[in-house]
Amino acid sequence: MTSNPNPRSTSLRSYPVNSPEAAARIIALTMLADGHLSQSELDVLHRRGGCEQLGLEPDRLHDVLLALCEDLLHGAQISWSEACKVDPHALSQLMSEIDDPGLRERVLALCVQVAEADQHVSDGESLLLVHAVEQWGLHARMFRPRAAASEPPHLRAS
């Protein structure tokens, strides 16, 4: 058995590519990225129809969240406040389980809404969002929906 050169490395279970569970796990990680799960994050996901957008049964969100917590806590002997931190390689593997462009946009939009639910975007949430934008090549899409919605109709690009 070889030793792990990075004791903080996190081993996460894998889900089928573009599966509702793979998408929900990224959103769940966003929920935990600030070190705690808040009711406002769950509420915004419910109000936005997040499970329905992902094709996920609402009960499965709980299962995915629990599995993620188990993976994070199993991956390293660290305190809960640090448990939400995932090494960049593992995060890249997580993000690579979503390769459908439309699903990537839906997941990112839900992640942003979850991160903003408590009126504060933490460093952990910000790092996760930036990683998703960079890995998925969604730089231009990140700001387009809000900017277009706030412009008067006669100024919107056609």
C-alpha atoms as a PDB file:
ATOM      1  CA  MET A   1       0.000   0.000   0.000  1.00  0.00           C
ATOM      2  CA  THR A   2       1.478   3.331  -1.020  1.00  0.00           C
ATOM      3  CA  SER A   3       1.260   6.325   1.192  1.00  0.00           C
ATOM      4  CA  ASN A   4      -0.607   9.381   0.101  1.00  0.00           C
ATOM      5  CA  PRO A   5       1.902  12.203  -0.502  1.00  0.00           C
ATOM      6  CA  ASN A   6      -0.779  14.765   0.302  1.00  0.00           C
ATOM      7  CA  PRO A   7      -2.381  13.930   3.645  1.00  0.00           C
ATOM      8  CA  ARG A   8      -5.132  16.500   2.941  1.00  0.00           C
ATOM      9  CA  SER A   9      -6.079  14.840  -0.341  1.00  0.00           C
ATOM     10  CA  THR A  10      -9.723  13.911  -0.524  1.00  0.00           C
ATOM     11  CA  SER A  11     -10.943  10.722  -2.178  1.00  0.00           C
ATOM     12  CA  LEU A  12     -14.467  11.197  -3.478  1.00  0.00           C
ATOM     13  CA  ARG A  13     -16.756   8.538  -4.903  1.00  0.00           C
ATOM     14  CA  SER A  14     -17.550   8.948  -8.575  1.00  0.00           C
ATOM     15  CA  TYR A  15     -20.926   9.288 -10.248  1.00  0.00           C
ATOM     16  CA  PRO A  16     -21.840   8.700 -13.893  1.00  0.00           C
ATOM     17  CA  VAL A  17     -20.993  11.632 -16.167  1.00  0.00           C
ATOM     18  CA  ASN A  18     -23.811  14.194 -16.377  1.00  0.00           C
ATOM     19  CA  SER A  19     -25.891  12.301 -13.817  1.00  0.00           C
ATOM     20  CA  PRO A  20     -28.204  14.216 -11.508  1.00  0.00           C
ATOM     21  CA  GLU A  21     -26.059  13.023  -8.584  1.00  0.00           C
ATOM     22  CA  ALA A  22     -22.820  14.348 -10.111  1.00  0.00           C
ATOM     23  CA  ALA A  23     -24.464  17.737 -10.652  1.00  0.00           C
ATOM     24  CA  ALA A  24     -26.066  17.773  -7.192  1.00  0.00           C
ATOM     25  CA  ARG A  25     -22.721  16.975  -5.552  1.00  0.00           C
ATOM     26  CA  ILE A  26     -21.158  20.129  -6.993  1.00  0.00           C
ATOM     27  CA  ILE A  27     -24.056  22.163  -5.643  1.00  0.00           C
ATOM     28  CA  ALA A  28     -23.778  20.361  -2.290  1.00  0.00           C
ATOM     29  CA  LEU A  29     -20.075  21.193  -2.187  1.00  0.00           C
ATOM     30  CA  THR A  30     -20.975  24.837  -2.758  1.00  0.00           C
ATOM     31  CA  MET A  31     -23.353  24.598   0.210  1.00  0.00           C
ATOM     32  CA  LEU A  32     -20.525  23.299   2.402  1.00  0.00           C
ATOM     33  CA  ALA A  33     -17.738  25.478   1.020  1.00  0.00           C
ATOM     34  CA  ASP A  34     -18.151  28.088   3.764  1.00  0.00           C
ATOM     35  CA  GLY A  35     -17.838  25.416   6.464  1.00  0.00           C
ATOM     36  CA  HIS A  36     -21.525  24.950   7.262  1.00  0.00           C
ATOM     37  CA  LEU A  37     -24.849  24.139   5.671  1.00  0.00           C
ATOM     38  CA  SER A  38     -27.425  26.863   6.120  1.00  0.00           C
ATOM     39  CA  GLN A  39     -31.178  26.661   5.783  1.00  0.00           C
ATOM     40  CA  SER A  40     -31.142  29.681   3.456  1.00  0.00           C
ATOM     41  CA  GLU A  41     -29.046  27.676   0.971  1.00  0.00           C
ATOM     42  CA  LEU A  42     -31.490  24.778   1.028  1.00  0.00           C
ATOM     43  CA  ASP A  43     -34.410  27.205   0.745  1.00  0.00           C
ATOM     44  CA  VAL A  44     -33.025  28.968  -2.332  1.00  0.00           C
ATOM     45  CA  LEU A  45     -32.329  25.639  -4.007  1.00  0.00           C
ATOM     46  CA  HIS A  46     -35.912  24.581  -3.308  1.00  0.00           C
ATOM     47  CA  ARG A  47     -37.400  27.918  -4.500  1.00  0.00           C
ATOM     48  CA  ARG A  48     -35.391  27.773  -7.733  1.00  0.00           C
ATOM     49  CA  GLY A  49     -36.484  24.203  -8.449  1.00  0.00           C
ATOM     50  CA  GLY A  50     -32.892  22.987  -8.289  1.00  0.00           C
ATOM     51  CA  CYS A  51     -33.701  19.299  -7.957  1.00  0.00           C
ATOM     52  CA  GLU A  52     -36.164  19.487 -10.824  1.00  0.00           C
ATOM     53  CA  GLN A  53     -33.628  21.330 -13.010  1.00  0.00           C
ATOM     54  CA  LEU A  54     -31.139  18.514 -12.425  1.00  0.00           C
ATOM     55  CA  GLY A  55     -33.646  15.682 -12.806  1.00  0.00           C
ATOM     56  CA  LEU A  56     -33.006  14.671  -9.196  1.00  0.00           C
ATOM     57  CA  GLU A  57     -35.603  13.357  -6.781  1.00  0.00           C
ATOM     58  CA  PRO A  58     -35.643  15.706  -3.754  1.00  0.00           C
ATOM     59  CA  ASP A  59     -34.884  12.811  -1.378  1.00  0.00           C
ATOM     60  CA  ARG A  60     -31.742  12.026  -3.386  1.00  0.00           C
ATOM     61  CA  LEU A  61     -30.300  15.471  -2.597  1.00  0.00           C
ATOM     62  CA  HIS A  62     -30.092  14.446   1.041  1.00  0.00           C
ATOM     63  CA  ASP A  63     -28.340  11.208   0.042  1.00  0.00           C
ATOM     64  CA  VAL A  64     -25.831  13.050  -2.156  1.00  0.00           C
ATOM     65  CA  LEU A  65     -25.151  15.610   0.582  1.00  0.00           C
ATOM     66  CA  LEU A  66     -24.633  12.870   3.174  1.00  0.00           C
ATOM     67  CA  ALA A  67     -22.321  10.903   0.852  1.00  0.00           C
ATOM     68  CA  LEU A  68     -20.280  14.040   0.174  1.00  0.00           C
ATOM     69  CA  CYS A  69     -19.908  14.727   3.897  1.00  0.00           C
ATOM     70  CA  GLU A  70     -18.823  11.125   4.459  1.00  0.00           C
ATOM     71  CA  ASP A  71     -16.253  11.363   1.649  1.00  0.00           C
ATOM     72  CA  LEU A  72     -14.882  14.664   2.925  1.00  0.00           C
ATOM     73  CA  LEU A  73     -14.599  13.454   6.498  1.00  0.00           C
ATOM     74  CA  HIS A  74     -13.152  10.095   5.477  1.00  0.00           C
ATOM     75  CA  GLY A  75     -10.551  11.648   3.183  1.00  0.00           C
ATOM     76  CA  ALA A  76      -8.522  13.302   5.919  1.00  0.00           C
ATOM     77  CA  GLN A  77      -8.362  13.571   9.654  1.00  0.00           C
ATOM     78  CA  ILE A  78      -9.369  17.217   9.850  1.00  0.00           C
ATOM     79  CA  SER A  79     -11.843  19.323  11.753  1.00  0.00           C
ATOM     80  CA  TRP A  80     -15.294  20.016  10.294  1.00  0.00           C
ATOM     81  CA  SER A  81     -14.421  23.656   9.620  1.00  0.00           C
ATOM     82  CA  GLU A  82     -11.769  22.395   7.205  1.00  0.00           C
ATOM     83  CA  ALA A  83     -13.747  19.425   5.870  1.00  0.00           C
ATOM     84  CA  CYS A  84     -15.262  21.385   3.029  1.00  0.00           C
ATOM     85  CA  LYS A  85     -11.856  22.028   1.487  1.00  0.00           C
ATOM     86  CA  VAL A  86     -11.150  19.775  -1.470  1.00  0.00           C
ATOM     87  CA  ASP A  87      -7.745  19.581  -3.110  1.00  0.00           C
ATOM     88  CA  PRO A  88      -7.591  21.007  -6.659  1.00  0.00           C
ATOM     89  CA  HIS A  89      -7.077  17.604  -8.307  1.00  0.00           C
ATOM     90  CA  ALA A  90     -10.161  16.110  -6.635  1.00  0.00           C
ATOM     91  CA  LEU A  91     -12.160  19.238  -7.457  1.00  0.00           C
ATOM     92  CA  SER A  92     -11.137  18.934 -11.111  1.00  0.00           C
ATOM     93  CA  GLN A  93     -12.263  15.314 -11.121  1.00  0.00           C
ATOM     94  CA  LEU A  94     -15.610  16.358  -9.650  1.00  0.00           C
ATOM     95  CA  MET A  95     -16.066  19.048 -12.288  1.00  0.00           C
ATOM     96  CA  SER A  96     -15.077  16.640 -15.087  1.00  0.00           C
ATOM     97  CA  GLU A  97     -18.142  14.526 -14.287  1.00  0.00           C
ATOM     98  CA  ILE A  98     -20.204  17.279 -15.931  1.00  0.00           C
ATOM     99  CA  ASP A  99     -19.408  17.706 -19.628  1.00  0.00           C
ATOM    100  CA  ASP A 100     -22.794  18.737 -21.042  1.00  0.00           C
ATOM    101  CA  PRO A 101     -22.633  22.511 -21.740  1.00  0.00           C
ATOM    102  CA  GLY A 102     -26.270  23.150 -20.789  1.00  0.00           C
ATOM    103  CA  LEU A 103     -25.961  21.186 -17.563  1.00  0.00           C
ATOM    104  CA  ARG A 104     -22.756  23.045 -16.714  1.00  0.00           C
ATOM    105  CA  GLU A 105     -24.591  26.355 -17.051  1.00  0.00           C
ATOM    106  CA  ARG A 106     -27.507  25.156 -14.907  1.00  0.00           C
ATOM    107  CA  VAL A 107     -25.162  23.824 -12.217  1.00  0.00           C
ATOM    108  CA  LEU A 108     -23.131  27.028 -12.172  1.00  0.00           C
ATOM    109  CA  ALA A 109     -26.255  29.187 -11.951  1.00  0.00           C
ATOM    110  CA  LEU A 110     -27.563  27.109  -9.042  1.00  0.00           C
ATOM    111  CA  CYS A 111     -24.153  27.232  -7.332  1.00  0.00           C
ATOM    112  CA  VAL A 112     -24.098  31.038  -7.600  1.00  0.00           C
ATOM    113  CA  GLN A 113     -27.619  31.272  -6.175  1.00  0.00           C
ATOM    114  CA  VAL A 114     -26.701  28.952  -3.303  1.00  0.00           C
ATOM    115  CA  ALA A 115     -23.491  30.860  -2.573  1.00  0.00           C
ATOM    116  CA  GLU A 116     -25.384  34.161  -2.476  1.00  0.00           C
ATOM    117  CA  ALA A 117     -28.273  32.794  -0.379  1.00  0.00           C
ATOM    118  CA  ASP A 118     -26.886  34.087   2.910  1.00  0.00           C
ATOM    119  CA  GLN A 119     -25.925  37.478   1.427  1.00  0.00           C
ATOM    120  CA  HIS A 120     -22.221  36.641   1.755  1.00  0.00           C
ATOM    121  CA  VAL A 121     -19.962  34.730  -0.626  1.00  0.00           C
ATOM    122  CA  SER A 122     -17.170  33.138   1.417  1.00  0.00           C
ATOM    123  CA  ASP A 123     -13.636  32.540   0.174  1.00  0.00           C
ATOM    124  CA  GLY A 124     -14.388  28.816  -0.125  1.00  0.00           C
ATOM    125  CA  GLU A 125     -17.520  29.449  -2.179  1.00  0.00           C
ATOM    126  CA  SER A 126     -15.679  31.926  -4.372  1.00  0.00           C
ATOM    127  CA  LEU A 127     -12.814  29.505  -5.026  1.00  0.00           C
ATOM    128  CA  LEU A 128     -15.238  26.758  -5.983  1.00  0.00           C
ATOM    129  CA  LEU A 129     -17.157  29.047  -8.361  1.00  0.00           C
ATOM    130  CA  VAL A 130     -13.958  30.291  -9.980  1.00  0.00           C
ATOM    131  CA  HIS A 131     -12.742  26.720 -10.423  1.00  0.00           C
ATOM    132  CA  ALA A 132     -16.008  25.753 -12.137  1.00  0.00           C
ATOM    133  CA  VAL A 133     -15.936  28.797 -14.418  1.00  0.00           C
ATOM    134  CA  GLU A 134     -12.320  28.165 -15.400  1.00  0.00           C
ATOM    135  CA  GLN A 135     -12.563  24.403 -15.895  1.00  0.00           C
ATOM    136  CA  TRP A 136     -15.840  24.611 -17.787  1.00  0.00           C
ATOM    137  CA  GLY A 137     -14.849  27.667 -19.855  1.00  0.00           C
ATOM    138  CA  LEU A 138     -17.856  29.709 -18.752  1.00  0.00           C
ATOM    139  CA  HIS A 139     -16.108  33.063 -18.287  1.00  0.00           C
ATOM    140  CA  ALA A 140     -18.400  34.952 -20.663  1.00  0.00           C
ATOM    141  CA  ARG A 141     -21.559  33.274 -19.322  1.00  0.00           C
ATOM    142  CA  MET A 142     -20.865  34.104 -15.686  1.00  0.00           C
ATOM    143  CA  PHE A 143     -22.238  37.634 -15.852  1.00  0.00           C
ATOM    144  CA  ARG A 144     -24.375  37.727 -18.971  1.00  0.00           C
ATOM    145  CA  PRO A 145     -27.809  36.804 -17.516  1.00  0.00           C
ATOM    146  CA  ARG A 146     -27.805  39.470 -14.800  1.00  0.00           C
ATOM    147  CA  ALA A 147     -26.419  42.231 -16.996  1.00  0.00           C
ATOM    148  CA  ALA A 148     -28.949  41.563 -19.749  1.00  0.00           C
ATOM    149  CA  ALA A 149     -31.825  41.434 -17.281  1.00  0.00           C
ATOM    150  CA  SER A 150     -30.960  44.822 -15.814  1.00  0.00           C
ATOM    151  CA  GLU A 151     -30.589  46.626 -19.153  1.00  0.00           C
ATOM    152  CA  PRO A 152     -33.531  48.408 -20.725  1.00  0.00           C
ATOM    153  CA  PRO A 153     -34.888  46.369 -23.686  1.00  0.00           C
ATOM    154  CA  HIS A 154     -33.705  48.889 -26.270  1.00  0.00           C
ATOM    155  CA  LEU A 155     -30.076  48.526 -25.075  1.00  0.00           C
ATOM    156  CA  ARG A 156     -29.907  44.702 -25.007  1.00  0.00           C
ATOM    157  CA  ALA A 157     -27.743  43.008 -27.594  1.00  0.00           C
ATOM    158  CA  SER A 158     -29.753  40.998 -30.083  1.00  0.00           C
END
